[in-house]
Amino acid sequence: MNFKQHYMKALMAVLLFASFEALSAEPAGNIIRSNGVVNATDASGKTRPLTAGDVVNVGDVVTSTEKSSVQIQMKDAAIIAMSANSTFKVDGYRFHEKGTSAPDKVDLTVQQGRIRTITGQAAKSGYSMVAPNDVVIKIKGTIYDILEMPDGSIIIILREGAVTVTSGGVTVVLDVPGTMTRIPAKGKPPSKPIPATESTDDLDAILPLTKTGPDNVIFCTDCIPPPPPPSP
């Protein structure tokens, strides 16, 4: 076998592998807006940049860098907004899968940073979000924020609906919009619900919410600000 034959054989192997990898990727959502440097690392360890319109797959770890932010629309219309220096993983996203009677199942992990999420149409019974320090969040049709604080504590703020927050074997229910719970460290129980006091200006700038009445908060699509112009 000459050099050309070796080369063509190797090229075909690479192309077949790439095709298999592309077919095996399971889309979970798309980037709505990306500002600054945002990357995704797939299950094989390959990293790619993310911009508006790009696909986010199951197994991807999405990372926003300094002065960056990103919005992701999941395939059930849920929205994930990440501020700077945040890391988010799509562990699983099954929603109305064709040809199967399997129930919806959403498994997400916030590894670090600050995130606002508006849940979508997937069945709430199959939803699980794991925040930093292994804090587990379950939902009932909800908008909520996850804040990793400089001291290592985790704050969960309810904006709409209800969530349960579990840590250290203790579960706290947030069912009044505008309340929060603080988890001081990994394995520690959440605090009792208290009025939210932490600033979320960074998340408000990425994914604004507008009130239409008492305790009625909706996603304000038209008021999403455009990304800032590039620095001179």
Protein backbone atom coordinates (compact mmCIF):
# COMPACT_ATOMS: atom_id res chain seq x y z
CA MET A 1 0.00 0.00 0.00
CA ASN A 2 1.56 3.31 -1.10
CA PHE A 3 1.53 6.64 0.75
CA LYS A 4 -1.55 7.93 -1.09
CA GLN A 5 -3.57 4.86 -0.15
CA HIS A 6 -2.47 5.19 3.49
CA TYR A 7 -3.45 8.86 3.44
CA MET A 8 -6.90 8.20 1.93
CA LYS A 9 -7.57 5.40 4.41
CA ALA A 10 -6.66 7.64 7.35
CA LEU A 11 -8.76 10.48 5.95
CA MET A 12 -11.80 8.23 5.56
CA ALA A 13 -11.42 7.04 9.16
CA VAL A 14 -11.33 10.62 10.42
CA LEU A 15 -14.40 11.57 8.36
CA LEU A 16 -16.35 8.52 9.52
CA PHE A 17 -15.50 9.25 13.14
CA ALA A 18 -16.54 12.89 12.76
CA SER A 19 -19.82 11.84 11.13
CA PHE A 20 -20.55 9.34 13.89
CA GLU A 21 -19.75 11.93 16.54
CA ALA A 22 -22.07 14.48 14.92
CA LEU A 23 -24.90 11.96 14.62
CA SER A 24 -24.46 10.77 18.19
CA ALA A 25 -24.70 14.30 19.63
CA GLU A 26 -28.11 14.86 21.19
CA PRO A 27 -29.28 18.48 20.86
CA ALA A 28 -30.66 20.02 24.06
CA GLY A 29 -31.03 23.67 23.03
CA ASN A 30 -29.67 26.64 21.12
CA ILE A 31 -27.78 29.80 21.96
CA ILE A 32 -30.12 32.82 21.82
CA ARG A 33 -27.50 35.42 22.60
CA SER A 34 -23.81 35.30 23.42
CA ASN A 35 -21.71 38.21 24.60
CA GLY A 36 -17.95 37.91 25.03
CA VAL A 37 -16.15 34.59 25.12
CA VAL A 38 -18.44 31.61 25.74
CA ASN A 39 -17.36 28.01 25.14
CA ALA A 40 -18.80 24.51 25.28
CA THR A 41 -16.79 21.41 26.13
CA ASP A 42 -18.38 18.16 24.97
CA ALA A 43 -18.28 14.74 26.59
CA SER A 44 -15.08 13.84 24.70
CA GLY A 45 -13.28 16.91 26.05
CA LYS A 46 -13.36 18.94 22.84
CA THR A 47 -13.98 22.67 23.31
CA ARG A 48 -15.75 24.91 20.80
CA PRO A 49 -16.82 28.57 20.87
CA LEU A 50 -20.54 29.37 21.14
CA THR A 51 -22.34 32.19 19.36
CA ALA A 52 -25.99 32.95 18.61
CA GLY A 53 -27.71 30.05 16.82
CA ASP A 54 -25.21 27.38 17.89
CA VAL A 55 -26.48 24.09 19.29
CA VAL A 56 -25.91 22.98 22.89
CA ASN A 57 -25.89 19.19 23.25
CA VAL A 58 -26.49 16.79 26.09
CA GLY A 59 -23.16 16.33 27.87
CA ASP A 60 -21.92 19.83 27.04
CA VAL A 61 -20.35 22.00 29.73
CA VAL A 62 -21.01 25.66 28.88
CA THR A 63 -18.62 28.22 30.32
CA SER A 64 -18.83 32.01 30.28
CA THR A 65 -15.57 33.87 30.85
CA GLU A 66 -14.80 37.26 32.38
CA LYS A 67 -17.21 39.99 31.18
CA SER A 68 -19.22 37.42 29.20
CA SER A 69 -22.82 36.26 29.31
CA VAL A 70 -25.07 33.87 27.41
CA GLN A 71 -28.72 32.89 27.00
CA ILE A 72 -29.68 29.34 26.08
CA GLN A 73 -33.14 28.27 24.94
CA MET A 74 -33.69 24.59 25.67
CA LYS A 75 -35.79 22.37 23.41
CA ASP A 76 -38.81 22.59 25.73
CA ALA A 77 -38.60 26.45 25.58
CA ALA A 78 -36.88 26.78 28.96
CA ILE A 79 -34.39 29.66 29.22
CA ILE A 80 -31.00 29.55 30.95
CA ALA A 81 -29.17 32.87 31.45
CA MET A 82 -25.56 32.79 32.64
CA SER A 83 -23.57 35.80 33.83
CA ALA A 84 -19.78 36.05 33.71
CA ASN A 85 -17.52 33.32 35.12
CA SER A 86 -20.27 30.71 35.25
CA THR A 87 -20.25 27.03 34.32
CA PHE A 88 -23.34 24.98 33.47
CA LYS A 89 -23.69 21.34 32.37
CA VAL A 90 -26.50 19.61 30.50
CA ASP A 91 -26.45 16.15 32.08
CA GLY A 92 -29.63 15.02 30.32
CA TYR A 93 -32.59 16.51 28.45
CA ARG A 94 -35.42 14.24 27.37
CA PHE A 95 -38.56 16.02 26.20
CA HIS A 96 -41.42 14.37 24.28
CA GLU A 97 -39.00 11.97 22.61
CA LYS A 98 -40.47 10.51 19.39
CA GLY A 99 -41.05 6.78 19.25
CA THR A 100 -40.87 6.28 23.00
CA SER A 101 -43.20 6.46 25.96
CA ALA A 102 -40.34 7.46 28.25
CA PRO A 103 -41.29 10.36 30.53
CA ASP A 104 -39.65 13.77 30.28
CA LYS A 105 -36.42 14.04 32.24
CA VAL A 106 -34.25 17.13 32.70
CA ASP A 107 -30.94 16.89 34.60
CA LEU A 108 -28.85 20.05 34.86
CA THR A 109 -25.86 21.12 36.94
CA VAL A 110 -24.57 24.57 37.80
CA GLN A 111 -20.91 24.01 38.59
CA GLN A 112 -20.15 27.63 39.45
CA GLY A 113 -21.34 31.19 39.01
CA ARG A 114 -24.70 32.93 38.75
CA ILE A 115 -27.63 31.70 36.69
CA ARG A 116 -31.29 32.62 36.14
CA THR A 117 -33.62 30.00 34.72
CA ILE A 118 -37.16 30.07 33.41
CA THR A 119 -38.42 26.52 33.26
CA GLY A 120 -40.08 25.18 30.13
CA GLN A 121 -42.68 22.62 29.10
CA ALA A 122 -40.94 19.46 30.26
CA ALA A 123 -42.76 17.62 33.04
CA LYS A 124 -41.83 19.15 36.39
CA SER A 125 -41.74 15.72 38.05
CA GLY A 126 -38.69 14.82 35.95
CA TYR A 127 -36.74 18.05 36.57
CA SER A 128 -33.61 18.30 38.69
CA MET A 129 -31.09 21.13 38.96
CA VAL A 130 -27.95 20.63 41.04
CA ALA A 131 -26.37 23.90 42.20
CA PRO A 132 -22.82 24.29 43.55
CA ASN A 133 -22.16 22.46 46.83
CA ASP A 134 -24.55 19.67 45.71
CA VAL A 135 -27.68 21.73 46.44
CA VAL A 136 -30.62 20.01 44.70
CA ILE A 137 -33.52 22.07 43.32
CA LYS A 138 -36.90 20.71 42.24
CA ILE A 139 -39.54 22.91 40.61
CA LYS A 140 -43.25 23.58 40.06
CA GLY A 141 -43.40 25.91 37.05
CA THR A 142 -40.80 28.38 38.07
CA ILE A 143 -38.41 31.27 37.57
CA TYR A 144 -35.49 31.29 39.98
CA ASP A 145 -31.89 32.44 40.43
CA ILE A 146 -28.82 30.53 41.63
CA LEU A 147 -26.08 32.72 43.09
CA GLU A 148 -22.65 31.47 44.11
CA MET A 149 -21.33 34.00 46.62
CA PRO A 150 -17.69 35.02 47.23
CA ASP A 151 -17.73 33.30 50.64
CA GLY A 152 -18.71 29.98 49.03
CA SER A 153 -22.33 30.07 50.14
CA ILE A 154 -25.17 29.46 47.68
CA ILE A 155 -28.32 31.59 47.46
CA ILE A 156 -31.51 30.51 45.71
CA ILE A 157 -34.01 33.30 44.95
CA LEU A 158 -37.57 32.51 43.83
CA ARG A 159 -39.06 34.83 41.19
CA GLU A 160 -42.21 32.90 40.27
CA GLY A 161 -43.83 29.55 41.06
CA ALA A 162 -42.25 27.33 43.71
CA VAL A 163 -39.07 25.33 44.31
CA THR A 164 -37.80 22.88 46.86
CA VAL A 165 -34.17 23.28 47.89
CA THR A 166 -32.39 20.32 49.49
CA SER A 167 -28.98 20.27 51.17
CA GLY A 168 -27.56 18.39 54.12
CA GLY A 169 -30.64 16.17 54.23
CA VAL A 170 -32.94 19.14 54.84
CA THR A 171 -35.49 20.47 52.33
CA VAL A 172 -36.85 24.02 52.32
CA VAL A 173 -39.79 25.15 50.18
CA LEU A 174 -39.78 28.55 48.51
CA ASP A 175 -43.31 29.36 47.37
CA VAL A 176 -43.47 33.14 47.83
CA PRO A 177 -41.90 35.13 44.97
CA GLY A 178 -39.15 37.45 46.19
CA THR A 179 -37.94 35.13 48.94
CA MET A 180 -34.62 33.33 49.17
CA THR A 181 -32.72 30.67 51.07
CA ARG A 182 -28.99 30.57 51.80
CA ILE A 183 -26.87 27.42 52.02
CA PRO A 184 -23.68 28.40 53.91
CA ALA A 185 -21.50 25.48 52.77
CA LYS A 186 -21.56 22.03 51.23
CA GLY A 187 -23.58 19.62 53.34
CA LYS A 188 -25.17 22.38 55.40
CA PRO A 189 -28.98 22.83 55.52
CA PRO A 190 -30.72 25.71 53.74
CA SER A 191 -31.91 28.64 55.83
CA LYS A 192 -35.59 29.34 56.36
CA PRO A 193 -37.11 31.48 53.59
CA ILE A 194 -36.42 35.18 54.03
CA PRO A 195 -36.96 38.25 51.81
CA ALA A 196 -34.40 38.37 49.00
CA THR A 197 -31.75 41.02 49.62
CA GLU A 198 -28.94 40.08 47.23
CA SER A 199 -28.38 42.17 44.12
CA THR A 200 -28.97 40.44 40.79
CA ASP A 201 -28.17 43.37 38.52
CA ASP A 202 -25.95 41.14 36.38
CA LEU A 203 -28.76 38.67 35.71
CA ASP A 204 -31.33 41.44 35.26
CA ALA A 205 -29.16 42.85 32.48
CA ILE A 206 -29.03 39.47 30.69
CA LEU A 207 -32.58 38.21 31.26
CA PRO A 208 -34.91 40.97 32.50
CA LEU A 209 -38.22 40.16 34.16
CA THR A 210 -41.25 42.42 34.15
CA LYS A 211 -44.11 42.40 36.65
CA THR A 212 -47.67 42.43 35.33
CA GLY A 213 -49.45 42.28 38.69
CA PRO A 214 -49.07 41.03 42.27
CA ASP A 215 -46.73 38.05 42.32
CA ASN A 216 -47.09 37.72 38.54
CA VAL A 217 -43.71 37.83 36.83
CA ILE A 218 -43.18 37.08 33.17
CA PHE A 219 -40.21 36.89 30.86
CA CYS A 220 -39.92 40.19 28.99
CA THR A 221 -38.69 39.20 25.52
CA ASP A 222 -38.81 42.72 24.09
CA CYS A 223 -36.73 44.26 26.85
CA ILE A 224 -33.63 42.10 26.42
CA PRO A 225 -30.84 44.64 25.92
CA PRO A 226 -28.53 44.20 22.95
CA PRO A 227 -24.96 43.20 23.68
CA PRO A 228 -22.65 46.16 24.38
CA PRO A 229 -20.49 47.42 21.51
CA PRO A 230 -16.95 46.05 21.38
CA SER A 231 -14.34 47.97 23.31
CA PRO A 232 -12.30 50.40 21.15
